[in-house]
Amino acid sequence: NRKKYACIFGHFQAKKYKFIKNARYCTFLRDPIDRLCSHYFYWQYNPDFSNSMCRKLHTENMSLPEFANLHLQRHFYSFFLKGIKLKSFDYIGIFEYFQESIDLFHDTFGIKIENKVLNKNPVQKNYKEILIKDNIYEEILSAQQENMKIYHEALEIFQINIRRTLDGISKEK
C-alpha cells in the first residue's frame, strides 16, 4: 500500500525512483569547488564514521587536495546522476541562485517550498579565496573538471528555464 507524495527529496542517485510511473525529476547543484570544500569541512567538524569516505578522510588525515582527488569526489555529480542526462530532468536548481531556484521549483511543479535554509556546516567562507591563498586552487580545480563540466551544463539549462519562466510571466501581464 503506497502512499502518494507530492515530493521525495534527499541525497540519492537519480535512478532510485525510476520505477515510479510519470515521476518528474529534479536536481539541485552547487559550484563543485564550493560543494567539495563544504563537504570536506563539514566532515572535519561533523564526522560520519558510518561513511567509509569520511572514515578514510579522518584515518588518513587527508588534506583537501587529497580529498578532492578521491574517485568519488572527482566524479561526484556523475555518480548521483548515474547516466541520466541533465536535459531529461524536469527541473534543475542552482545553489548560487537559491531564491530563483525555489521560485522556479514552484513554477515547475506547483509545490510551494518555504525558504528556510539550515546549513549545518559551521565553516562558511570564500573557499576560492582561501584555496588561491594556500596555492591549491589549480590542483582542486583540476580534480573537479568533470564536475565543473556537469555544473556548467546545469547552469546553462537553469538559465534557459529561468528565461522561459520570466518570458511566460511577462506574457501573462
Protein backbone atom coordinates (compact mmCIF):
# COMPACT_ATOMS: atom_id res chain seq x y z
CA ASN A 1 0.00 0.00 0.00
CA ARG A 2 1.90 3.03 -1.25
CA LYS A 3 1.16 6.49 -0.04
CA LYS A 4 1.15 9.32 -2.54
CA TYR A 5 3.74 12.00 -2.04
CA ALA A 6 3.99 15.36 -3.75
CA CYS A 7 7.77 15.34 -3.49
CA ILE A 8 10.54 12.99 -2.40
CA PHE A 9 13.92 14.60 -1.78
CA GLY A 10 17.31 13.79 -0.36
CA HIS A 11 20.84 12.82 -1.32
CA PHE A 12 20.46 9.77 -3.54
CA GLN A 13 21.11 8.62 -7.08
CA ALA A 14 18.65 9.97 -9.63
CA LYS A 15 17.63 6.49 -10.79
CA LYS A 16 16.44 5.43 -7.31
CA TYR A 17 12.78 6.15 -8.09
CA LYS A 18 12.86 5.35 -11.79
CA PHE A 19 10.25 2.63 -11.19
CA ILE A 20 7.59 5.25 -10.38
CA LYS A 21 5.42 5.90 -13.42
CA ASN A 22 5.08 9.51 -14.52
CA ALA A 23 7.63 10.65 -11.96
CA ARG A 24 9.19 14.03 -12.62
CA TYR A 25 12.83 14.50 -11.79
CA CYS A 26 14.71 17.40 -10.33
CA THR A 27 18.21 18.05 -9.08
CA PHE A 28 19.98 20.83 -7.26
CA LEU A 29 23.66 21.50 -7.93
CA ARG A 30 26.28 23.71 -6.36
CA ASP A 31 29.55 25.08 -7.67
CA PRO A 32 31.77 21.95 -7.45
CA ILE A 33 34.64 23.62 -5.63
CA ASP A 34 32.33 25.17 -3.03
CA ARG A 35 30.49 21.84 -2.70
CA LEU A 36 33.75 19.93 -2.26
CA CYS A 37 35.13 22.37 0.34
CA SER A 38 31.85 22.44 2.23
CA HIS A 39 31.74 18.64 2.24
CA TYR A 40 35.35 18.38 3.43
CA PHE A 41 34.99 20.92 6.24
CA TYR A 42 31.60 19.58 7.30
CA TRP A 43 33.11 16.13 7.80
CA GLN A 44 36.06 17.67 9.62
CA TYR A 45 33.69 19.11 12.26
CA ASN A 46 30.83 16.60 12.00
CA PRO A 47 32.34 13.25 11.12
CA ASP A 48 30.07 10.43 9.99
CA PHE A 49 32.17 7.38 10.70
CA SER A 50 29.49 5.11 9.25
CA ASN A 51 30.55 6.55 5.88
CA SER A 52 33.69 4.85 4.53
CA MET A 53 34.89 8.00 2.75
CA CYS A 54 34.59 10.04 5.94
CA ARG A 55 36.47 7.35 7.87
CA LYS A 56 39.21 7.44 5.22
CA LEU A 57 39.38 11.25 5.47
CA HIS A 58 40.00 11.01 9.21
CA THR A 59 42.11 7.85 9.48
CA GLU A 60 44.47 9.05 6.73
CA ASN A 61 44.29 12.67 7.92
CA MET A 62 43.64 13.70 4.31
CA SER A 63 44.36 17.16 3.04
CA LEU A 64 41.76 18.96 0.94
CA PRO A 65 43.66 18.19 -2.32
CA GLU A 66 43.84 14.51 -1.36
CA PHE A 67 40.11 14.50 -0.63
CA ALA A 68 39.42 16.32 -3.93
CA ASN A 69 41.29 13.60 -5.79
CA LEU A 70 39.30 10.69 -4.38
CA HIS A 71 37.49 8.90 -7.20
CA LEU A 72 34.00 9.67 -5.87
CA GLN A 73 34.85 13.32 -5.31
CA ARG A 74 36.24 13.64 -8.85
CA HIS A 75 33.04 12.07 -10.26
CA PHE A 76 30.58 13.28 -7.64
CA TYR A 77 27.88 14.64 -9.95
CA SER A 78 28.06 11.77 -12.44
CA PHE A 79 27.74 9.32 -9.51
CA PHE A 80 24.45 10.89 -8.41
CA LEU A 81 23.15 11.48 -11.95
CA LYS A 82 24.05 7.85 -12.73
CA GLY A 83 23.79 8.10 -16.50
CA ILE A 84 20.66 10.25 -16.56
CA LYS A 85 21.26 13.23 -18.83
CA LEU A 86 20.68 16.67 -17.31
CA LYS A 87 18.41 17.58 -20.22
CA SER A 88 15.98 14.86 -19.14
CA PHE A 89 15.40 16.46 -15.71
CA ASP A 90 12.18 18.42 -15.33
CA TYR A 91 13.92 20.87 -13.04
CA ILE A 92 17.46 21.92 -12.17
CA GLY A 93 18.16 24.25 -9.27
CA ILE A 94 21.44 26.03 -8.65
CA PHE A 95 22.59 26.70 -5.09
CA GLU A 96 24.21 30.04 -6.00
CA TYR A 97 20.79 31.18 -7.28
CA PHE A 98 18.86 29.75 -4.37
CA GLN A 99 15.80 32.02 -4.28
CA GLU A 100 15.43 31.95 -8.07
CA SER A 101 15.72 28.16 -7.89
CA ILE A 102 12.99 27.94 -5.25
CA ASP A 103 10.74 30.17 -7.37
CA LEU A 104 11.45 28.05 -10.45
CA PHE A 105 10.64 24.88 -8.48
CA HIS A 106 7.26 26.34 -7.57
CA ASP A 107 6.60 27.41 -11.16
CA THR A 108 7.63 23.97 -12.47
CA PHE A 109 5.82 21.72 -10.00
CA GLY A 110 3.25 23.95 -8.33
CA ILE A 111 4.69 22.99 -4.96
CA LYS A 112 5.43 25.86 -2.59
CA ILE A 113 8.62 25.43 -0.58
CA GLU A 114 9.23 27.59 2.44
CA ASN A 115 12.64 29.16 2.04
CA LYS A 116 14.28 28.11 5.29
CA VAL A 117 17.85 27.06 4.68
CA LEU A 118 19.55 25.35 7.54
CA ASN A 119 23.15 24.92 6.54
CA LYS A 120 24.73 22.70 9.14
CA ASN A 121 28.29 23.46 8.11
CA PRO A 122 29.83 25.87 10.65
CA VAL A 123 32.60 26.83 8.21
CA GLN A 124 31.17 29.16 5.57
CA LYS A 125 33.92 31.07 3.86
CA ASN A 126 35.01 32.27 0.46
CA TYR A 127 36.60 28.95 -0.43
CA LYS A 128 38.12 30.10 -3.73
CA GLU A 129 39.97 32.92 -1.99
CA ILE A 130 41.32 30.51 0.65
CA LEU A 131 42.42 27.96 -1.97
CA ILE A 132 44.21 30.61 -4.01
CA LYS A 133 45.95 31.95 -0.90
CA ASP A 134 47.04 28.39 0.00
CA ASN A 135 48.26 27.76 -3.58
CA ILE A 136 45.98 24.75 -4.04
CA TYR A 137 43.19 26.25 -6.18
CA GLU A 138 44.55 24.97 -9.51
CA GLU A 139 45.03 21.47 -8.09
CA ILE A 140 41.48 21.41 -6.72
CA LEU A 141 40.09 22.82 -9.98
CA SER A 142 41.95 20.18 -11.97
CA ALA A 143 40.48 17.42 -9.79
CA GLN A 144 36.97 18.83 -10.29
CA GLN A 145 36.97 19.13 -14.10
CA GLU A 146 34.24 16.54 -14.69
CA ASN A 147 32.05 18.07 -12.00
CA MET A 148 32.68 21.56 -13.42
CA LYS A 149 31.57 20.43 -16.89
CA ILE A 150 28.32 18.99 -15.50
CA TYR A 151 27.76 22.06 -13.32
CA HIS A 152 28.19 24.46 -16.25
CA GLU A 153 25.75 22.41 -18.34
CA ALA A 154 23.26 22.53 -15.44
CA LEU A 155 23.80 26.28 -15.08
CA GLU A 156 23.07 26.77 -18.78
CA ILE A 157 19.84 24.74 -18.57
CA PHE A 158 18.85 26.62 -15.40
CA GLN A 159 19.35 29.99 -17.10
CA ILE A 160 17.26 28.90 -20.09
CA ASN A 161 14.47 27.75 -17.76
CA ILE A 162 14.58 30.99 -15.78
CA ARG A 163 14.30 32.99 -19.03
CA ARG A 164 11.36 30.83 -20.16
CA THR A 165 9.61 31.38 -16.83
CA LEU A 166 10.23 35.13 -16.92
CA ASP A 167 9.02 35.28 -20.55
CA GLY A 168 5.87 33.40 -19.52
CA ILE A 169 5.24 35.79 -16.64
CA SER A 170 5.72 38.87 -18.82
CA LYS A 171 3.37 37.41 -21.48
CA GLU A 172 0.68 36.86 -18.83
CA LYS A 173 0.72 40.55 -17.86
